[in-house]
Amino acid sequence: MPQRMKHNLHVLVVPSLYPTEVRPVEGIYVQDQVQMLCRAGIRVAVLYPEMRSWRTVTLCQRPWANRFQAKSYREAGVDALRIHGWNIPRLKRGTRVWLGWVMKLVKDYVESHGKPDLCHAHNCHWAGVSGRMIKKVYGIPYLITEHSTAFARGLLKPWQARDAHDALEGADAVLAVSEALKRDLQPYAPGKSLNTVSNVVDTAFFCPPSDRAPSSAFRFLSVAHLVKHKGIDDLIRAFAELRSQHPFFTLEIGGDGPEKPGLERLARELHPGDGIRFLGKLDRYGVRDAMWRADVFVLPSHVETFGVVLIEALATGLPVVATRSGGPEGFVNEDAGFLVETRNPRALAKALETAFRRYPDFDKCHLRRYAEERFGEPAILERVVEIYQQILR
């Protein structure tokens, strides 16, 4: 546990994604950082407009309770102000509504708790854009931590690119979670000095199991939001090449998303047996339990700005197999696992087999220590607070 800071800081966090009732792990990497700041003695509050999709109405325990009202919460020692609303389909520039909600929350917060020292926005869209507006209205400096793959995937529309440029240009500091993402951001912030600060990983929670039941199977695990750029279809095809030679191999896939039905069909076509198991949507405890059952963790993404789940796996003592998709190149070395090219099932299959054969060579204590020293709370806290102080000076 890090020591509490001796100086006083008051930080307003505005995330573009944050955990909700329906999606409890969405943006959880931001929540981890918020909890880190709180434990360090920094006064921190979160402002988050929830724009829930109408598709999730059946998942809400009380959907009628979402009527665009603002409510204050105390969440694990942190003040959180939320607006509970719905995303209005096909509303032109509906993000402007989101920005209006942020400004309402800022007004309410400042009136009740005073003006914070700075605003920490997570992602340009739309938290960074709102940070620029907050600075203009209240004179509060802001910084942006960018996590999104949209820059690397070329997904920004012209008006979104302009908004990103304006948000980055006006920021008092810009942080990218990996060197690869920093390079992708630089064209949108020409001449600006960018920083690389990784996501913090809760290495107290993600730890090796106290004991593990013996198993005759060798289990690979992947956990991801099941969308195309996560490359899970590549993993299923790679696993197909191995199973005939290694019938004791198993693959567990955790997560949910629009690609899940197609991935399940692909798995049935290539694996008529029970070699692949889909775990569905997992909370944090479910992810850790799956890691405790696994032998090797695999993330076959086409694009990955960082790869928090890889660090979580290392912290539990698992070697990893990942693709050269951006973020993983910054920390997956030969002592932690293997890197392969993206969209290459054959190369991925070879890496999985190599991971099996070299599995006894990996030291679980070394893997965990590596994750703690680079991405644990003390290391990331020191860097974030250093940047806060630079802004305030």
Foldseek 3Di string as FASTA:
>chain_A
DDAADPDEFAEEEEEPWAADPQRRCIVVLVVVVQVLNVVNVYQYAYEYEDAAEPVCCVVDPCSVVQDQDWDWDQDPNHIYIYGRHHQDPPDVCSLVVVLVSSVVVQVVCCVPPNDGQAYEYEAVVPRLLSRLVCCVVPVHAYEYEYFDCCLVVVPDDPVRLQSLLVSHQRHLAYEYQAPLVVVSCCVSDPPDDHHHFHRFAALVLLAADPDADDDPAAEEEEEDAPDVQQQVLLVLVLVLVCCVVPVRYAYEYEHYYDCVVVSVVSNCVSPVDHRYHYPYHDDPVRLSVVLNHHAEYEGQGQAGRACNSLLSSLSNQHAYEYEVRHRVVVQRDPQRAYYHHHPHSNRSSVRVVVCVVCSVVHDSVVSNVSSCVRRHSVNSVVVVVVSVVVSSD
